[in-house]
């Protein structure tokens, strides 16, 4: 089977779909791997590293895609890249299904089988393919560093000859993978950390990391979906949550928001009025900016200063740590490709709970809305 790895063309996307160690395993299994020139450069993996792993370097995306049975990318393809794919080829990448209707239509017309990595089901045997979790780990870590770099104070308590500095207070909203990593990172840097999540299972996880769990009375047993995500709240639940968050925000120095609902806009948890009541110099890092933001004032990719509170809405945070983000992404893709392969060839079984859940197009048809 011929597998192509393309260089990312989206601005500021520095990750690569497969790293040399994954390429080596694929080549060892008898597959031909072709990597577009410079695909791993931003993640600090030169073409020579891919060659040593058994890959062939292609001068262009067109050369890489020619005859490829599988094409692996990080971001969804452009119209020009779709045109390079052979009929019957499989595409494996992040597809952003909720906003990719035109791309899905083009892939369907092209006869490409497209797999959306963000649709991997949350079941035990698919954990090693879970790109969202691996990239959220990176984002949660980096969010704390972004906030710490902007704060007018240090995070840890320090006792010095010039006196004692009290520790900063960090508040993490949403205790999923990104939130838990943010909690752990803020704790390692010395902050006094608290966290909130509507899901009852999150309380024990938050406390196991040494953080205080805020507003336990708001937690609902029915707040979690079968897939492990938070469900959308009712109007009454939203009101109670807002009141609990507002009361806690006033004394916080750093706030990291991570609350998201798959396929829907991020819940608005911090209003402009709440921001106005916060301490001067406080910083909010909104990791939900790409899906609308948890803070009313968040602007994607921008720095917003309101009432002496800084709100950051970073985009594609995982790509700012391209080496380790690519390392985890690559292992996720490798495991998924191994799942799709049978007797050295691509095998698409839409009845399989992993393959079927992730497939958007197949054999000239769209397989899901």
Protein backbone atom coordinates (compact mmCIF):
# COMPACT_ATOMS: atom_id res chain seq x y z
CA UNK A 1 0.00 0.00 0.00
CA UNK A 2 1.31 3.45 -0.91
CA UNK A 3 0.92 6.06 1.85
CA UNK A 4 1.51 9.77 1.18
CA UNK A 5 2.31 12.38 3.83
CA UNK A 6 1.69 15.97 2.77
CA UNK A 7 3.22 19.23 3.94
CA UNK A 8 0.66 21.44 5.67
CA UNK A 9 -0.30 24.64 3.85
CA UNK A 10 -2.58 26.26 6.45
CA UNK A 11 -0.99 29.34 8.00
CA UNK A 12 0.75 28.62 11.34
CA UNK A 13 0.10 24.85 11.08
CA UNK A 14 3.49 23.43 12.04
CA UNK A 15 2.52 19.84 12.76
CA UNK A 16 2.99 16.87 10.46
CA UNK A 17 0.72 13.82 10.20
CA UNK A 18 3.43 11.15 10.45
CA UNK A 19 6.91 11.30 11.99
CA UNK A 20 9.89 9.14 10.98
CA UNK A 21 9.38 6.59 13.77
CA UNK A 22 5.83 5.89 12.52
CA UNK A 23 7.05 5.83 8.92
CA UNK A 24 9.66 3.25 9.91
CA UNK A 25 6.97 0.97 11.32
CA UNK A 26 4.81 1.34 8.22
CA UNK A 27 7.76 0.68 5.94
CA UNK A 28 8.68 -2.32 8.06
CA UNK A 29 5.18 -3.68 7.51
CA UNK A 30 5.76 -3.58 3.75
CA UNK A 31 4.08 -0.28 2.90
CA UNK A 32 5.58 2.32 0.57
CA UNK A 33 5.66 5.74 2.26
CA UNK A 34 6.12 8.92 0.23
CA UNK A 35 6.67 12.20 2.08
CA UNK A 36 6.36 15.60 0.47
CA UNK A 37 9.57 17.63 0.66
CA UNK A 38 9.69 19.70 3.87
CA UNK A 39 6.61 18.09 5.45
CA UNK A 40 8.31 17.66 8.82
CA UNK A 41 10.51 20.76 8.78
CA UNK A 42 8.43 22.88 11.18
CA UNK A 43 8.35 19.98 13.65
CA UNK A 44 12.16 19.79 13.33
CA UNK A 45 12.31 16.57 11.31
CA UNK A 46 14.33 16.94 8.13
CA UNK A 47 13.75 15.00 4.92
CA UNK A 48 16.88 12.97 5.71
CA UNK A 49 15.21 11.57 8.84
CA UNK A 50 12.32 10.30 6.72
CA UNK A 51 14.69 8.80 4.17
CA UNK A 52 16.54 6.96 6.93
CA UNK A 53 13.19 5.64 8.16
CA UNK A 54 12.48 4.11 4.74
CA UNK A 55 10.41 6.82 3.05
CA UNK A 56 10.81 8.35 -0.38
CA UNK A 57 10.82 12.15 -0.64
CA UNK A 58 8.53 13.71 -3.27
CA UNK A 59 9.23 17.13 -4.73
CA UNK A 60 5.60 18.23 -4.57
CA UNK A 61 2.19 17.32 -3.19
CA UNK A 62 1.16 16.16 -6.66
CA UNK A 63 4.10 13.76 -6.83
CA UNK A 64 3.35 12.45 -3.34
CA UNK A 65 -0.34 11.86 -4.06
CA UNK A 66 0.16 10.20 -7.43
CA UNK A 67 -0.83 6.54 -7.01
CA UNK A 68 -1.32 6.89 -3.23
CA UNK A 69 -3.84 4.56 -1.61
CA UNK A 70 -3.84 6.65 1.59
CA UNK A 71 -3.04 10.34 2.08
CA UNK A 72 -2.33 11.56 5.61
CA UNK A 73 -2.57 15.21 6.64
CA UNK A 74 -3.19 17.25 9.78
CA UNK A 75 -5.67 19.82 8.45
CA UNK A 76 -8.45 19.20 5.93
CA UNK A 77 -7.38 19.56 2.29
CA UNK A 78 -7.72 22.66 0.17
CA UNK A 79 -9.62 22.48 -3.11
CA UNK A 80 -6.30 22.16 -4.91
CA UNK A 81 -5.25 19.24 -2.71
CA UNK A 82 -8.58 17.46 -3.22
CA UNK A 83 -7.95 17.58 -6.96
CA UNK A 84 -4.67 15.70 -6.44
CA UNK A 85 -6.30 12.68 -4.80
CA UNK A 86 -6.89 9.56 -6.87
CA UNK A 87 -10.38 8.10 -7.10
CA UNK A 88 -10.66 5.35 -4.50
CA UNK A 89 -7.90 6.81 -2.31
CA UNK A 90 -8.43 7.30 1.43
CA UNK A 91 -7.81 10.60 3.19
CA UNK A 92 -7.00 10.69 6.91
CA UNK A 93 -6.95 14.09 8.63
CA UNK A 94 -8.81 16.54 10.85
CA UNK A 95 -11.89 17.50 8.84
CA UNK A 96 -13.85 19.91 11.09
CA UNK A 97 -17.04 18.20 9.87
CA UNK A 98 -19.45 20.88 11.10
CA UNK A 99 -17.92 23.47 8.76
CA UNK A 100 -16.60 21.40 5.87
CA UNK A 101 -19.66 20.86 3.66
CA UNK A 102 -17.91 22.08 0.50
CA UNK A 103 -14.85 19.93 1.13
CA UNK A 104 -16.99 16.86 1.86
CA UNK A 105 -18.95 17.47 -1.35
CA UNK A 106 -15.73 17.74 -3.37
CA UNK A 107 -14.30 14.56 -1.82
CA UNK A 108 -17.54 12.71 -2.52
CA UNK A 109 -17.49 13.80 -6.14
CA UNK A 110 -13.85 12.72 -6.38
CA UNK A 111 -14.67 9.24 -5.06
CA UNK A 112 -12.36 9.62 -2.07
CA UNK A 113 -12.92 7.83 1.22
CA UNK A 114 -12.47 10.54 3.88
CA UNK A 115 -11.88 9.85 7.56
CA UNK A 116 -12.28 12.63 10.15
CA UNK A 117 -9.84 12.06 12.99
CA UNK A 118 -11.88 14.15 15.42
CA UNK A 119 -14.75 11.65 15.12
CA UNK A 120 -12.89 8.76 16.73
CA UNK A 121 -15.36 7.17 19.18
CA UNK A 122 -14.56 7.33 22.88
CA UNK A 123 -14.23 3.62 23.45
CA UNK A 124 -11.38 1.70 25.02
CA UNK A 125 -9.96 0.16 21.87
CA UNK A 126 -9.87 3.53 20.11
CA UNK A 127 -8.01 5.43 22.83
CA UNK A 128 -4.68 5.17 21.02
CA UNK A 129 -6.29 6.83 17.95
CA UNK A 130 -7.81 9.75 19.89
CA UNK A 131 -6.30 12.84 18.27
CA UNK A 132 -8.55 15.25 20.15
CA UNK A 133 -7.30 13.99 23.50
CA UNK A 134 -3.63 14.00 22.52
CA UNK A 135 -3.77 17.51 21.08
CA UNK A 136 -5.84 18.78 24.02
CA UNK A 137 -3.04 17.63 26.31
CA UNK A 138 -0.66 19.95 24.47
CA UNK A 139 -3.17 22.82 24.44
CA UNK A 140 -3.88 22.59 28.17
CA UNK A 141 -0.18 22.73 28.98
CA UNK A 142 0.55 25.62 26.62
CA UNK A 143 -2.46 27.67 27.77
CA UNK A 144 -1.00 28.02 31.25
CA UNK A 145 2.33 29.14 29.82
CA UNK A 146 0.59 31.71 27.60
CA UNK A 147 -1.29 33.08 30.59
CA UNK A 148 1.76 33.07 32.85
CA UNK A 149 3.76 35.02 30.27
CA UNK A 150 1.11 37.78 30.25
CA UNK A 151 0.46 38.01 33.98
CA UNK A 152 1.90 40.95 35.94
CA UNK A 153 2.79 38.60 38.80
CA UNK A 154 4.58 35.29 39.35
CA UNK A 155 2.65 32.06 39.82
CA UNK A 156 4.50 30.47 42.77
CA UNK A 157 4.90 31.65 46.33
CA UNK A 158 8.46 32.89 46.84
CA UNK A 159 10.25 33.82 50.04
CA UNK A 160 13.06 36.21 49.25
CA UNK A 161 15.26 38.77 50.98
CA UNK A 162 12.88 41.37 49.60
CA UNK A 163 9.90 39.72 51.25
CA UNK A 164 7.41 36.93 50.59
CA UNK A 165 5.37 36.80 47.39
CA UNK A 166 1.96 35.16 47.70
CA UNK A 167 1.06 32.53 45.07
CA UNK A 168 -1.25 33.38 42.18
CA UNK A 169 -4.74 31.93 42.01
CA UNK A 170 -5.58 29.97 38.86
CA UNK A 171 -9.08 28.83 37.92
CA UNK A 172 -9.65 26.15 35.26
CA UNK A 173 -13.14 25.92 33.74
CA UNK A 174 -13.75 22.53 32.17
CA UNK A 175 -11.94 19.46 33.46
CA UNK A 176 -11.60 17.43 30.28
CA UNK A 177 -8.20 16.44 28.90
CA UNK A 178 -7.11 20.05 28.28
CA UNK A 179 -8.44 21.23 31.62
CA UNK A 180 -6.76 18.48 33.62
CA UNK A 181 -3.45 19.18 31.91
CA UNK A 182 -3.88 22.88 32.64
CA UNK A 183 -4.52 22.07 36.29
CA UNK A 184 -1.41 19.91 36.52
CA UNK A 185 0.74 22.53 34.77
CA UNK A 186 -0.49 25.42 36.92
CA UNK A 187 0.11 23.33 40.04
CA UNK A 188 3.66 22.48 38.94
CA UNK A 189 4.32 26.19 38.43
CA UNK A 190 3.20 26.89 41.98
CA UNK A 191 -0.27 28.42 41.62
CA UNK A 192 -3.16 27.78 43.98
CA UNK A 193 -5.52 26.01 41.60
CA UNK A 194 -9.28 25.54 41.56
CA UNK A 195 -11.46 24.07 38.83
CA UNK A 196 -15.07 23.65 37.75
CA UNK A 197 -16.91 21.15 35.57
CA UNK A 198 -20.56 20.15 35.35
CA UNK A 199 -19.74 16.45 35.11
CA UNK A 200 -19.73 14.55 38.43
CA UNK A 201 -16.78 12.34 37.44
CA UNK A 202 -14.59 15.43 37.12
CA UNK A 203 -14.61 16.19 40.84
CA UNK A 204 -12.42 13.24 41.80
CA UNK A 205 -10.07 13.87 38.88
CA UNK A 206 -9.64 17.53 39.81
CA UNK A 207 -8.99 16.76 43.45
CA UNK A 208 -6.52 13.99 42.58
CA UNK A 209 -4.34 16.67 40.97
CA UNK A 210 -4.35 18.78 44.12
CA UNK A 211 -6.87 21.38 42.98
CA UNK A 212 -10.05 22.50 44.72
CA UNK A 213 -13.35 21.65 43.05
CA UNK A 214 -15.64 24.68 42.83
CA UNK A 215 -19.43 24.73 43.15
CA UNK A 216 -20.04 21.01 43.59
CA UNK A 217 -23.73 21.81 44.13
CA UNK A 218 -24.07 22.70 40.43
CA UNK A 219 -22.90 19.28 39.26
CA UNK A 220 -25.60 17.07 37.75
CA UNK A 221 -25.58 13.31 37.33
CA UNK A 222 -27.10 13.74 33.88
CA UNK A 223 -24.56 16.33 32.72
CA UNK A 224 -22.42 13.81 30.84
CA UNK A 225 -23.22 12.15 27.51
CA UNK A 226 -22.58 8.49 26.73
CA UNK A 227 -19.43 9.60 24.90
CA UNK A 228 -17.99 11.21 28.01
CA UNK A 229 -18.59 14.82 26.93
CA UNK A 230 -20.62 17.46 28.76
CA UNK A 231 -24.13 17.89 27.37
CA UNK A 232 -25.75 21.27 26.75
CA UNK A 233 -27.28 22.70 29.95
CA UNK A 234 -30.87 23.79 30.48
CA UNK A 235 -31.60 27.49 31.08
CA UNK A 236 -31.90 26.90 34.83
CA UNK A 237 -28.62 24.98 34.95
CA UNK A 238 -26.92 27.72 32.95
CA UNK A 239 -28.09 30.34 35.45
CA UNK A 240 -26.82 28.37 38.44
CA UNK A 241 -23.50 27.72 36.72
CA UNK A 242 -23.09 31.39 35.83
CA UNK A 243 -23.72 32.47 39.41
CA UNK A 244 -21.18 29.99 40.76
CA UNK A 245 -18.51 31.00 38.25
CA UNK A 246 -19.10 34.73 38.76
CA UNK A 247 -18.66 34.45 42.52
CA UNK A 248 -15.36 32.58 42.13
CA UNK A 249 -13.87 34.68 39.32
CA UNK A 250 -13.51 37.87 41.34
CA UNK A 251 -10.34 36.79 43.15
CA UNK A 252 -8.64 34.92 40.30
CA UNK A 253 -5.34 35.97 38.69
CA UNK A 254 -5.39 33.44 35.82
CA UNK A 255 -8.42 31.77 34.23
CA UNK A 256 -8.18 28.98 31.62
CA UNK A 257 -11.45 28.06 29.90
CA UNK A 258 -11.74 24.75 28.03
CA UNK A 259 -15.49 23.97 27.98
CA UNK A 260 -16.70 22.72 24.60
CA UNK A 261 -19.58 20.62 23.26
CA UNK A 262 -18.83 18.57 20.10
CA UNK A 263 -20.65 19.89 17.05
CA UNK A 264 -22.04 22.95 18.84
CA UNK A 265 -20.83 26.46 19.73
CA UNK A 266 -18.88 26.65 22.97
CA UNK A 267 -21.04 27.54 26.01
CA UNK A 268 -20.78 31.18 27.12
CA UNK A 269 -19.68 30.96 30.74
CA UNK A 270 -18.00 34.33 31.34
CA UNK A 271 -19.93 37.51 30.58
CA UNK A 272 -18.58 41.02 30.10
CA UNK A 273 -20.06 41.90 33.49
CA UNK A 274 -18.08 39.09 35.14
CA UNK A 275 -14.89 40.34 33.50
CA UNK A 276 -15.57 43.85 34.78
CA UNK A 277 -15.72 42.48 38.34
CA UNK A 278 -12.36 40.66 38.11
CA UNK A 279 -9.05 41.82 39.61
CA UNK A 280 -7.02 44.35 37.60
CA UNK A 281 -4.22 42.52 35.79
CA UNK A 282 -6.06 39.20 35.61
CA UNK A 283 -5.65 37.10 32.46
CA UNK A 284 -8.17 34.81 30.73
CA UNK A 285 -6.96 32.25 28.18
CA UNK A 286 -9.96 30.96 26.23
CA UNK A 287 -9.13 27.59 24.65
CA UNK A 288 -12.65 27.42 23.23
CA UNK A 289 -12.05 30.48 21.02
CA UNK A 290 -12.18 28.44 17.79
CA UNK A 291 -15.72 27.27 18.55
CA UNK A 292 -17.01 30.68 19.65
CA UNK A 293 -15.34 31.11 23.04
CA UNK A 294 -16.38 30.57 26.65
CA UNK A 295 -15.94 34.29 27.34
CA UNK A 296 -18.29 36.84 25.80
CA UNK A 297 -15.37 39.15 24.97
CA UNK A 298 -13.12 36.56 23.32
CA UNK A 299 -11.98 37.26 19.76
CA UNK A 300 -10.25 34.41 17.92
CA UNK A 301 -6.55 35.06 17.51
CA UNK A 302 -6.75 38.44 19.27
CA UNK A 303 -5.76 40.09 22.55
CA UNK A 304 -8.67 41.94 24.15
CA UNK A 305 -8.15 44.28 27.11
CA UNK A 306 -11.31 45.08 29.06
CA UNK A 307 -11.40 46.78 32.47
CA UNK A 308 -7.69 45.97 32.88
CA UNK A 309 -8.34 42.25 32.31
CA UNK A 310 -6.60 40.60 29.34
CA UNK A 311 -8.56 38.02 27.32
CA UNK A 312 -6.59 35.81 24.93
CA UNK A 313 -8.33 33.78 22.21
CA UNK A 314 -5.49 31.65 20.80
CA UNK A 315 -6.02 29.58 17.65
CA UNK A 316 -4.60 26.12 17.00
CA UNK A 317 -2.62 26.06 20.24
CA UNK A 318 -1.29 22.52 19.75
CA UNK A 319 0.53 23.61 16.58
CA UNK A 320 2.66 26.00 18.65
CA UNK A 321 4.35 22.94 20.21
CA UNK A 322 4.87 21.09 16.91
CA UNK A 323 7.42 18.47 17.94
CA UNK A 324 5.49 16.78 20.73
CA UNK A 325 2.10 17.57 19.20
CA UNK A 326 3.22 15.86 15.98
CA UNK A 327 4.68 12.96 17.95
CA UNK A 328 1.33 12.19 19.55
CA UNK A 329 -0.66 12.96 16.39
CA UNK A 330 1.59 10.63 14.41
CA UNK A 331 1.05 7.76 16.82
CA UNK A 332 -2.70 8.30 16.66
CA UNK A 333 -2.63 8.20 12.85
CA UNK A 334 -0.34 5.16 12.80
CA UNK A 335 -2.70 3.21 15.04
CA UNK A 336 -5.67 4.16 12.89
CA UNK A 337 -3.88 3.12 9.70
CA UNK A 338 -3.01 -0.21 11.31
CA UNK A 339 -6.69 -0.58 12.17
CA UNK A 340 -7.66 0.05 8.53
CA UNK A 341 -5.11 -2.36 7.09
CA UNK A 342 -5.74 -6.02 6.46
CA UNK A 343 -3.21 -8.27 4.68
CA UNK A 344 -1.21 -5.24 3.63
CA UNK A 345 -4.14 -3.49 1.91
CA UNK A 346 -6.70 -0.85 2.84
CA UNK A 347 -9.88 -2.42 4.21
CA UNK A 348 -12.89 -0.13 4.78
CA UNK A 349 -15.55 -1.80 6.90
CA UNK A 350 -18.28 0.75 7.60
CA UNK A 351 -19.88 -1.72 9.97
CA UNK A 352 -16.89 -1.42 12.29
CA UNK A 353 -17.66 0.91 15.22
CA UNK A 354 -14.41 2.86 14.73
CA UNK A 355 -14.19 2.96 10.93
CA UNK A 356 -17.88 3.69 10.45
CA UNK A 357 -17.92 6.46 13.05
CA UNK A 358 -14.99 8.28 11.45
CA UNK A 359 -15.90 7.90 7.77
CA UNK A 360 -17.46 10.93 6.06
CA UNK A 361 -17.39 9.83 2.41
CA UNK A 362 -16.97 6.48 0.66
CA UNK A 363 -17.49 5.13 -2.86
CA UNK A 364 -18.91 8.37 -4.19
CA UNK A 365 -21.42 8.87 -1.37
CA UNK A 366 -21.57 10.85 1.86
CA UNK A 367 -21.84 8.37 4.71
CA UNK A 368 -23.12 10.71 7.42
CA UNK A 369 -24.79 14.16 7.66
